[in-house]
Amino acid sequence: MANIKSAKKRIITSRKRAEANKSVKSSVKTSIRKVYAAIDSNDKANAETALKAAISTIEKAGSKGVYHKCNASRKVSRLTKAVNKMA
């Protein structure tokens, strides 16, 4: 454990941020799974609505800095490509 007051504070704040980031990453993964589940069930309409929700959560995570903007963009691109390939 750290002895310096500022180091102790950094430990506490980094734990808080890690928990918040973990929550955001979990919601992104869940939304991605929902899209792929809709694709597997061959439900185009459901896949498109799930895609719209997933894009929203991914873009929010990218803007918050949880994911790098290129990583978020890549995730959106792959999901969109998978849904478009359903036709």
PDB file of N, CA and C in Angstrom:
ATOM      1  N   MET A   1       0.845  -1.182   0.000  1.00  0.00           N
ATOM      2  CA  MET A   1       0.000   0.000   0.000  1.00  0.00           C
ATOM      3  C   MET A   1       0.889   1.243   0.000  1.00  0.00           C
ATOM      4  N   ALA A   2       0.393   2.267  -0.645  1.00  0.00           N
ATOM      5  CA  ALA A   2       1.148   3.508  -0.744  1.00  0.00           C
ATOM      6  C   ALA A   2       1.146   4.267   0.587  1.00  0.00           C
ATOM      7  N   ASN A   3       2.208   5.027   0.820  1.00  0.00           N
ATOM      8  CA  ASN A   3       2.310   5.832   2.037  1.00  0.00           C
ATOM      9  C   ASN A   3       1.933   7.287   1.794  1.00  0.00           C
ATOM     10  N   ILE A   4       2.149   7.756   0.581  1.00  0.00           N
ATOM     11  CA  ILE A   4       1.908   9.160   0.271  1.00  0.00           C
ATOM     12  C   ILE A   4       0.417   9.372   0.009  1.00  0.00           C
ATOM     13  N   LYS A   5      -0.103  10.487   0.502  1.00  0.00           N
ATOM     14  CA  LYS A   5      -1.534  10.760   0.429  1.00  0.00           C
ATOM     15  C   LYS A   5      -2.039  10.807  -1.009  1.00  0.00           C
ATOM     16  N   SER A   6      -1.291  11.459  -1.892  1.00  0.00           N
ATOM     17  CA  SER A   6      -1.730  11.560  -3.289  1.00  0.00           C
ATOM     18  C   SER A   6      -1.733  10.197  -3.974  1.00  0.00           C
ATOM     19  N   ALA A   7      -0.788   9.338  -3.608  1.00  0.00           N
ATOM     20  CA  ALA A   7      -0.738   7.988  -4.177  1.00  0.00           C
ATOM     21  C   ALA A   7      -1.926   7.161  -3.708  1.00  0.00           C
ATOM     22  N   LYS A   8      -2.306   7.341  -2.448  1.00  0.00           N
ATOM     23  CA  LYS A   8      -3.486   6.646  -1.928  1.00  0.00           C
ATOM     24  C   LYS A   8      -4.736   7.084  -2.682  1.00  0.00           C
ATOM     25  N   LYS A   9      -4.825   8.393  -2.925  1.00  0.00           N
ATOM     26  CA  LYS A   9      -5.972   8.930  -3.650  1.00  0.00           C
ATOM     27  C   LYS A   9      -6.013   8.378  -5.074  1.00  0.00           C
ATOM     28  N   ARG A  10      -4.861   8.286  -5.728  1.00  0.00           N
ATOM     29  CA  ARG A  10      -4.803   7.754  -7.097  1.00  0.00           C
ATOM     30  C   ARG A  10      -5.278   6.300  -7.127  1.00  0.00           C
ATOM     31  N   ILE A  11      -4.915   5.531  -6.120  1.00  0.00           N
ATOM     32  CA  ILE A  11      -5.350   4.130  -6.052  1.00  0.00           C
ATOM     33  C   ILE A  11      -6.874   4.059  -5.969  1.00  0.00           C
ATOM     34  N   ILE A  12      -7.447   4.894  -5.124  1.00  0.00           N
ATOM     35  CA  ILE A  12      -8.904   4.891  -4.949  1.00  0.00           C
ATOM     36  C   ILE A  12      -9.610   5.319  -6.234  1.00  0.00           C
ATOM     37  N   THR A  13      -9.132   6.416  -6.840  1.00  0.00           N
ATOM     38  CA  THR A  13      -9.791   6.911  -8.046  1.00  0.00           C
ATOM     39  C   THR A  13      -9.618   5.949  -9.218  1.00  0.00           C
ATOM     40  N   SER A  14      -8.452   5.316  -9.318  1.00  0.00           N
ATOM     41  CA  SER A  14      -8.252   4.375 -10.419  1.00  0.00           C
ATOM     42  C   SER A  14      -9.137   3.149 -10.255  1.00  0.00           C
ATOM     43  N   ARG A  15      -9.383   2.736  -9.014  1.00  0.00           N
ATOM     44  CA  ARG A  15     -10.317   1.618  -8.788  1.00  0.00           C
ATOM     45  C   ARG A  15     -11.724   1.989  -9.204  1.00  0.00           C
ATOM     46  N   LYS A  16     -12.144   3.216  -8.867  1.00  0.00           N
ATOM     47  CA  LYS A  16     -13.481   3.681  -9.261  1.00  0.00           C
ATOM     48  C   LYS A  16     -13.622   3.703 -10.775  1.00  0.00           C
ATOM     49  N   ARG A  17     -12.612   4.241 -11.446  1.00  0.00           N
ATOM     50  CA  ARG A  17     -12.665   4.326 -12.908  1.00  0.00           C
ATOM     51  C   ARG A  17     -12.650   2.934 -13.523  1.00  0.00           C
ATOM     52  N   ALA A  18     -11.877   2.026 -12.951  1.00  0.00           N
ATOM     53  CA  ALA A  18     -11.810   0.659 -13.468  1.00  0.00           C
ATOM     54  C   ALA A  18     -13.171  -0.020 -13.366  1.00  0.00           C
ATOM     55  N   GLU A  19     -13.874   0.205 -12.263  1.00  0.00           N
ATOM     56  CA  GLU A  19     -15.217  -0.362 -12.095  1.00  0.00           C
ATOM     57  C   GLU A  19     -16.182   0.222 -13.115  1.00  0.00           C
ATOM     58  N   ALA A  20     -16.111   1.536 -13.315  1.00  0.00           N
ATOM     59  CA  ALA A  20     -16.995   2.186 -14.281  1.00  0.00           C
ATOM     60  C   ALA A  20     -16.700   1.683 -15.691  1.00  0.00           C
ATOM     61  N   ASN A  21     -15.419   1.573 -16.025  1.00  0.00           N
ATOM     62  CA  ASN A  21     -15.030   1.092 -17.349  1.00  0.00           C
ATOM     63  C   ASN A  21     -15.467  -0.346 -17.551  1.00  0.00           C
ATOM     64  N   LYS A  22     -15.363  -1.157 -16.501  1.00  0.00           N
ATOM     65  CA  LYS A  22     -15.768  -2.553 -16.596  1.00  0.00           C
ATOM     66  C   LYS A  22     -17.259  -2.651 -16.912  1.00  0.00           C
ATOM     67  N   SER A  23     -18.049  -1.790 -16.294  1.00  0.00           N
ATOM     68  CA  SER A  23     -19.488  -1.763 -16.526  1.00  0.00           C
ATOM     69  C   SER A  23     -19.804  -1.401 -17.984  1.00  0.00           C
ATOM     70  N   VAL A  24     -19.115  -0.395 -18.500  1.00  0.00           N
ATOM     71  CA  VAL A  24     -19.343   0.040 -19.885  1.00  0.00           C
ATOM     72  C   VAL A  24     -18.921  -1.049 -20.859  1.00  0.00           C
ATOM     73  N   LYS A  25     -17.755  -1.668 -20.627  1.00  0.00           N
ATOM     74  CA  LYS A  25     -17.288  -2.732 -21.509  1.00  0.00           C
ATOM     75  C   LYS A  25     -18.238  -3.912 -21.510  1.00  0.00           C
ATOM     76  N   SER A  26     -18.788  -4.227 -20.350  1.00  0.00           N
ATOM     77  CA  SER A  26     -19.740  -5.327 -20.232  1.00  0.00           C
ATOM     78  C   SER A  26     -20.998  -5.043 -21.048  1.00  0.00           C
ATOM     79  N   SER A  27     -21.501  -3.816 -20.982  1.00  0.00           N
ATOM     80  CA  SER A  27     -22.709  -3.477 -21.738  1.00  0.00           C
ATOM     81  C   SER A  27     -22.446  -3.505 -23.238  1.00  0.00           C
ATOM     82  N   VAL A  28     -21.240  -3.112 -23.646  1.00  0.00           N
ATOM     83  CA  VAL A  28     -20.883  -3.173 -25.069  1.00  0.00           C
ATOM     84  C   VAL A  28     -20.863  -4.630 -25.538  1.00  0.00           C
ATOM     85  N   LYS A  29     -20.228  -5.492 -24.751  1.00  0.00           N
ATOM     86  CA  LYS A  29     -20.153  -6.907 -25.124  1.00  0.00           C
ATOM     87  C   LYS A  29     -21.541  -7.531 -25.194  1.00  0.00           C
ATOM     88  N   THR A  30     -22.410  -7.162 -24.255  1.00  0.00           N
ATOM     89  CA  THR A  30     -23.771  -7.692 -24.253  1.00  0.00           C
ATOM     90  C   THR A  30     -24.525  -7.258 -25.499  1.00  0.00           C
ATOM     91  N   SER A  31     -24.396  -5.994 -25.870  1.00  0.00           N
ATOM     92  CA  SER A  31     -25.104  -5.499 -27.052  1.00  0.00           C
ATOM     93  C   SER A  31     -24.580  -6.163 -28.326  1.00  0.00           C
ATOM     94  N   ILE A  32     -23.275  -6.432 -28.378  1.00  0.00           N
ATOM     95  CA  ILE A  32     -22.694  -7.120 -29.534  1.00  0.00           C
ATOM     96  C   ILE A  32     -23.229  -8.549 -29.606  1.00  0.00           C
ATOM     97  N   ARG A  33     -23.319  -9.218 -28.459  1.00  0.00           N
ATOM     98  CA  ARG A  33     -23.857 -10.584 -28.425  1.00  0.00           C
ATOM     99  C   ARG A  33     -25.299 -10.626 -28.903  1.00  0.00           C
ATOM    100  N   LYS A  34     -26.080  -9.601 -28.555  1.00  0.00           N
ATOM    101  CA  LYS A  34     -27.481  -9.550 -28.988  1.00  0.00           C
ATOM    102  C   LYS A  34     -27.577  -9.453 -30.508  1.00  0.00           C
ATOM    103  N   VAL A  35     -26.684  -8.677 -31.112  1.00  0.00           N
ATOM    104  CA  VAL A  35     -26.688  -8.548 -32.571  1.00  0.00           C
ATOM    105  C   VAL A  35     -26.359  -9.889 -33.209  1.00  0.00           C
ATOM    106  N   TYR A  36     -25.307 -10.544 -32.728  1.00  0.00           N
ATOM    107  CA  TYR A  36     -24.923 -11.827 -33.312  1.00  0.00           C
ATOM    108  C   TYR A  36     -25.974 -12.908 -33.059  1.00  0.00           C
ATOM    109  N   ALA A  37     -26.685 -12.835 -31.936  1.00  0.00           N
ATOM    110  CA  ALA A  37     -27.765 -13.786 -31.668  1.00  0.00           C
ATOM    111  C   ALA A  37     -28.898 -13.599 -32.672  1.00  0.00           C
ATOM    112  N   ALA A  38     -29.224 -12.344 -32.982  1.00  0.00           N
ATOM    113  CA  ALA A  38     -30.261 -12.060 -33.974  1.00  0.00           C
ATOM    114  C   ALA A  38     -29.823 -12.518 -35.364  1.00  0.00           C
ATOM    115  N   ILE A  39     -28.534 -12.356 -35.668  1.00  0.00           N
ATOM    116  CA  ILE A  39     -28.013 -12.809 -36.962  1.00  0.00           C
ATOM    117  C   ILE A  39     -28.105 -14.331 -37.049  1.00  0.00           C
ATOM    118  N   ASP A  40     -27.740 -15.023 -35.970  1.00  0.00           N
ATOM    119  CA  ASP A  40     -27.788 -16.485 -35.961  1.00  0.00           C
ATOM    120  C   ASP A  40     -29.209 -17.009 -36.100  1.00  0.00           C
ATOM    121  N   SER A  41     -30.185 -16.285 -35.516  1.00  0.00           N
ATOM    122  CA  SER A  41     -31.576 -16.711 -35.631  1.00  0.00           C
ATOM    123  C   SER A  41     -32.204 -16.273 -36.954  1.00  0.00           C
ATOM    124  N   ASN A  42     -31.433 -15.596 -37.785  1.00  0.00           N
ATOM    125  CA  ASN A  42     -31.845 -15.170 -39.128  1.00  0.00           C
ATOM    126  C   ASN A  42     -33.032 -14.204 -39.083  1.00  0.00           C
ATOM    127  N   ASP A  43     -33.044 -13.324 -38.093  1.00  0.00           N
ATOM    128  CA  ASP A  43     -34.100 -12.336 -37.920  1.00  0.00           C
ATOM    129  C   ASP A  43     -33.553 -10.957 -38.290  1.00  0.00           C
ATOM    130  N   LYS A  44     -33.784 -10.565 -39.532  1.00  0.00           N
ATOM    131  CA  LYS A  44     -33.205  -9.323 -40.060  1.00  0.00           C
ATOM    132  C   LYS A  44     -33.695  -8.082 -39.292  1.00  0.00           C
ATOM    133  N   ALA A  45     -34.992  -8.001 -39.038  1.00  0.00           N
ATOM    134  CA  ALA A  45     -35.549  -6.822 -38.361  1.00  0.00           C
ATOM    135  C   ALA A  45     -34.991  -6.695 -36.944  1.00  0.00           C
ATOM    136  N   ASN A  46     -34.947  -7.803 -36.234  1.00  0.00           N
ATOM    137  CA  ASN A  46     -34.415  -7.799 -34.872  1.00  0.00           C
ATOM    138  C   ASN A  46     -32.928  -7.461 -34.879  1.00  0.00           C
ATOM    139  N   ALA A  47     -32.206  -7.963 -35.872  1.00  0.00           N
ATOM    140  CA  ALA A  47     -30.773  -7.690 -35.982  1.00  0.00           C
ATOM    141  C   ALA A  47     -30.520  -6.203 -36.209  1.00  0.00           C
ATOM    142  N   GLU A  48     -31.367  -5.572 -37.027  1.00  0.00           N
ATOM    143  CA  GLU A  48     -31.176  -4.147 -37.314  1.00  0.00           C
ATOM    144  C   GLU A  48     -31.465  -3.276 -36.086  1.00  0.00           C
ATOM    145  N   THR A  49     -32.485  -3.647 -35.311  1.00  0.00           N
ATOM    146  CA  THR A  49     -32.764  -2.872 -34.095  1.00  0.00           C
ATOM    147  C   THR A  49     -31.668  -3.091 -33.057  1.00  0.00           C
ATOM    148  N   ALA A  50     -31.183  -4.332 -32.948  1.00  0.00           N
ATOM    149  CA  ALA A  50     -30.088  -4.618 -32.018  1.00  0.00           C
ATOM    150  C   ALA A  50     -28.818  -3.900 -32.458  1.00  0.00           C
ATOM    151  N   LEU A  51     -28.601  -3.817 -33.769  1.00  0.00           N
ATOM    152  CA  LEU A  51     -27.430  -3.115 -34.306  1.00  0.00           C
ATOM    153  C   LEU A  51     -27.477  -1.635 -33.947  1.00  0.00           C
ATOM    154  N   LYS A  52     -28.646  -1.035 -34.081  1.00  0.00           N
ATOM    155  CA  LYS A  52     -28.791   0.393 -33.766  1.00  0.00           C
ATOM    156  C   LYS A  52     -28.451   0.658 -32.297  1.00  0.00           C
ATOM    157  N   ALA A  53     -28.944  -0.217 -31.421  1.00  0.00           N
ATOM    158  CA  ALA A  53     -28.648  -0.068 -29.986  1.00  0.00           C
ATOM    159  C   ALA A  53     -27.169  -0.309 -29.711  1.00  0.00           C
ATOM    160  N   ALA A  54     -26.597  -1.300 -30.389  1.00  0.00           N
ATOM    161  CA  ALA A  54     -25.181  -1.622 -30.177  1.00  0.00           C
ATOM    162  C   ALA A  54     -24.284  -0.479 -30.640  1.00  0.00           C
ATOM    163  N   ILE A  55     -24.605   0.105 -31.777  1.00  0.00           N
ATOM    164  CA  ILE A  55     -23.803   1.228 -32.285  1.00  0.00           C
ATOM    165  C   ILE A  55     -23.823   2.370 -31.281  1.00  0.00           C
ATOM    166  N   SER A  56     -24.979   2.621 -30.705  1.00  0.00           N
ATOM    167  CA  SER A  56     -25.102   3.695 -29.710  1.00  0.00           C
ATOM    168  C   SER A  56     -24.199   3.435 -28.507  1.00  0.00           C
ATOM    169  N   THR A  57     -24.244   2.227 -27.962  1.00  0.00           N
ATOM    170  CA  THR A  57     -23.428   1.928 -26.779  1.00  0.00           C
ATOM    171  C   THR A  57     -21.943   1.940 -27.113  1.00  0.00           C
ATOM    172  N   ILE A  58     -21.582   1.443 -28.290  1.00  0.00           N
ATOM    173  CA  ILE A  58     -20.165   1.415 -28.687  1.00  0.00           C
ATOM    174  C   ILE A  58     -19.631   2.828 -28.883  1.00  0.00           C
ATOM    175  N   GLU A  59     -20.421   3.672 -29.544  1.00  0.00           N
ATOM    176  CA  GLU A  59     -19.983   5.052 -29.771  1.00  0.00           C
ATOM    177  C   GLU A  59     -19.844   5.816 -28.451  1.00  0.00           C
ATOM    178  N   LYS A  60     -20.749   5.568 -27.512  1.00  0.00           N
ATOM    179  CA  LYS A  60     -20.638   6.215 -26.202  1.00  0.00           C
ATOM    180  C   LYS A  60     -19.362   5.779 -25.490  1.00  0.00           C
ATOM    181  N   ALA A  61     -19.065   4.478 -25.574  1.00  0.00           N
ATOM    182  CA  ALA A  61     -17.850   3.962 -24.935  1.00  0.00           C
ATOM    183  C   ALA A  61     -16.609   4.570 -25.590  1.00  0.00           C
ATOM    184  N   GLY A  62     -16.660   4.761 -26.898  1.00  0.00           N
ATOM    185  CA  GLY A  62     -15.541   5.378 -27.604  1.00  0.00           C
ATOM    186  C   GLY A  62     -15.366   6.833 -27.232  1.00  0.00           C
ATOM    187  N   SER A  63     -16.478   7.545 -27.072  1.00  0.00           N
ATOM    188  CA  SER A  63     -16.376   8.964 -26.738  1.00  0.00           C
ATOM    189  C   SER A  63     -15.926   9.178 -25.295  1.00  0.00           C
ATOM    190  N   LYS A  64     -16.247   8.223 -24.408  1.00  0.00           N
ATOM    191  CA  LYS A  64     -15.819   8.322 -23.009  1.00  0.00           C
ATOM    192  C   LYS A  64     -14.362   7.933 -22.823  1.00  0.00           C
ATOM    193  N   GLY A  65     -13.778   7.304 -23.824  1.00  0.00           N
ATOM    194  CA  GLY A  65     -12.390   6.894 -23.721  1.00  0.00           C
ATOM    195  C   GLY A  65     -12.212   5.495 -23.165  1.00  0.00           C
ATOM    196  N   VAL A  66     -13.324   4.762 -23.006  1.00  0.00           N
ATOM    197  CA  VAL A  66     -13.219   3.387 -22.528  1.00  0.00           C
ATOM    198  C   VAL A  66     -12.569   2.533 -23.617  1.00  0.00           C
ATOM    199  N   TYR A  67     -12.996   2.768 -24.863  1.00  0.00           N
ATOM    200  CA  TYR A  67     -12.362   2.144 -26.017  1.00  0.00           C
ATOM    201  C   TYR A  67     -11.702   3.241 -26.834  1.00  0.00           C
ATOM    202  N   HIS A  68     -10.610   2.914 -27.495  1.00  0.00           N
ATOM    203  CA  HIS A  68      -9.991   3.855 -28.428  1.00  0.00           C
ATOM    204  C   HIS A  68     -10.960   4.072 -29.574  1.00  0.00           C
ATOM    205  N   LYS A  69     -10.942   5.268 -30.172  1.00  0.00           N
ATOM    206  CA  LYS A  69     -11.929   5.584 -31.207  1.00  0.00           C
ATOM    207  C   LYS A  69     -11.816   4.636 -32.406  1.00  0.00           C
ATOM    208  N   CYS A  70     -10.619   4.188 -32.727  1.00  0.00           N
ATOM    209  CA  CYS A  70     -10.442   3.262 -33.852  1.00  0.00           C
ATOM    210  C   CYS A  70     -11.002   1.880 -33.497  1.00  0.00           C
ATOM    211  N   ASN A  71     -10.835   1.474 -32.255  1.00  0.00           N
ATOM    212  CA  ASN A  71     -11.369   0.198 -31.799  1.00  0.00           C
ATOM    213  C   ASN A  71     -12.902   0.218 -31.862  1.00  0.00           C
ATOM    214  N   ALA A  72     -13.498   1.313 -31.406  1.00  0.00           N
ATOM    215  CA  ALA A  72     -14.953   1.453 -31.450  1.00  0.00           C
ATOM    216  C   ALA A  72     -15.446   1.450 -32.886  1.00  0.00           C
ATOM    217  N   SER A  73     -14.745   2.160 -33.742  1.00  0.00           N
ATOM    218  CA  SER A  73     -15.114   2.224 -35.152  1.00  0.00           C
ATOM    219  C   SER A  73     -15.032   0.845 -35.806  1.00  0.00           C
ATOM    220  N   ARG A  74     -14.011   0.086 -35.452  1.00  0.00           N
ATOM    221  CA  ARG A  74     -13.835  -1.262 -36.010  1.00  0.00           C
ATOM    222  C   ARG A  74     -14.968  -2.187 -35.577  1.00  0.00           C
ATOM    223  N   LYS A  75     -15.368  -2.079 -34.309  1.00  0.00           N
ATOM    224  CA  LYS A  75     -16.468  -2.901 -33.802  1.00  0.00           C
ATOM    225  C   LYS A  75     -17.764  -2.584 -34.541  1.00  0.00           C
ATOM    226  N   VAL A  76     -18.046  -1.295 -34.724  1.00  0.00           N
ATOM    227  CA  VAL A  76     -19.256  -0.877 -35.434  1.00  0.00           C
ATOM    228  C   VAL A  76     -19.221  -1.373 -36.868  1.00  0.00           C
ATOM    229  N   SER A  77     -18.073  -1.243 -37.509  1.00  0.00           N
ATOM    230  CA  SER A  77     -17.932  -1.660 -38.898  1.00  0.00           C
ATOM    231  C   SER A  77     -18.182  -3.148 -39.063  1.00  0.00           C
ATOM    232  N   ARG A  78     -17.611  -3.952 -38.185  1.00  0.00           N
ATOM    233  CA  ARG A  78     -17.776  -5.407 -38.287  1.00  0.00           C
ATOM    234  C   ARG A  78     -19.223  -5.821 -38.054  1.00  0.00           C
ATOM    235  N   LEU A  79     -19.871  -5.187 -37.073  1.00  0.00           N
ATOM    236  CA  LEU A  79     -21.273  -5.513 -36.813  1.00  0.00           C
ATOM    237  C   LEU A  79     -22.157  -5.143 -38.001  1.00  0.00           C
ATOM    238  N   THR A  80     -21.944  -3.939 -38.530  1.00  0.00           N
ATOM    239  CA  THR A  80     -22.744  -3.464 -39.666  1.00  0.00           C
ATOM    240  C   THR A  80     -22.550  -4.374 -40.870  1.00  0.00           C
ATOM    241  N   LYS A  81     -21.314  -4.761 -41.102  1.00  0.00           N
ATOM    242  CA  LYS A  81     -21.001  -5.658 -42.217  1.00  0.00           C
ATOM    243  C   LYS A  81     -21.709  -7.004 -42.052  1.00  0.00           C
ATOM    244  N   ALA A  82     -21.726  -7.529 -40.823  1.00  0.00           N
ATOM    245  CA  ALA A  82     -22.375  -8.813 -40.552  1.00  0.00           C
ATOM    246  C   ALA A  82     -23.879  -8.738 -40.778  1.00  0.00           C
ATOM    247  N   VAL A  83     -24.503  -7.622 -40.347  1.00  0.00           N
ATOM    248  CA  VAL A  83     -25.949  -7.468 -40.532  1.00  0.00           C
ATOM    249  C   VAL A  83     -26.279  -7.273 -42.015  1.00  0.00           C
ATOM    250  N   ASN A  84     -25.461  -6.505 -42.720  1.00  0.00           N
ATOM    251  CA  ASN A  84     -25.715  -6.271 -44.153  1.00  0.00           C
ATOM    252  C   ASN A  84     -25.553  -7.541 -44.973  1.00  0.00           C
ATOM    253  N   LYS A  85     -24.710  -8.437 -44.500  1.00  0.00           N
ATOM    254  CA  LYS A  85     -24.454  -9.691 -45.223  1.00  0.00           C
ATOM    255  C   LYS A  85     -25.649 -10.650 -45.115  1.00  0.00           C
ATOM    256  N   MET A  86     -26.588 -10.370 -44.187  1.00  0.00           N
ATOM    257  CA  MET A  86     -27.735 -11.245 -43.981  1.00  0.00           C
ATOM    258  C   MET A  86     -28.657 -11.303 -45.203  1.00  0.00           C
ATOM    259  N   ALA A  87     -28.767 -10.208 -45.919  1.00  0.00           N
ATOM    260  CA  ALA A  87     -29.723 -10.099 -47.035  1.00  0.00           C
ATOM    261  C   ALA A  87     -29.523 -11.191 -48.042  1.00  0.00           C
TER     262      ALA A  87
END
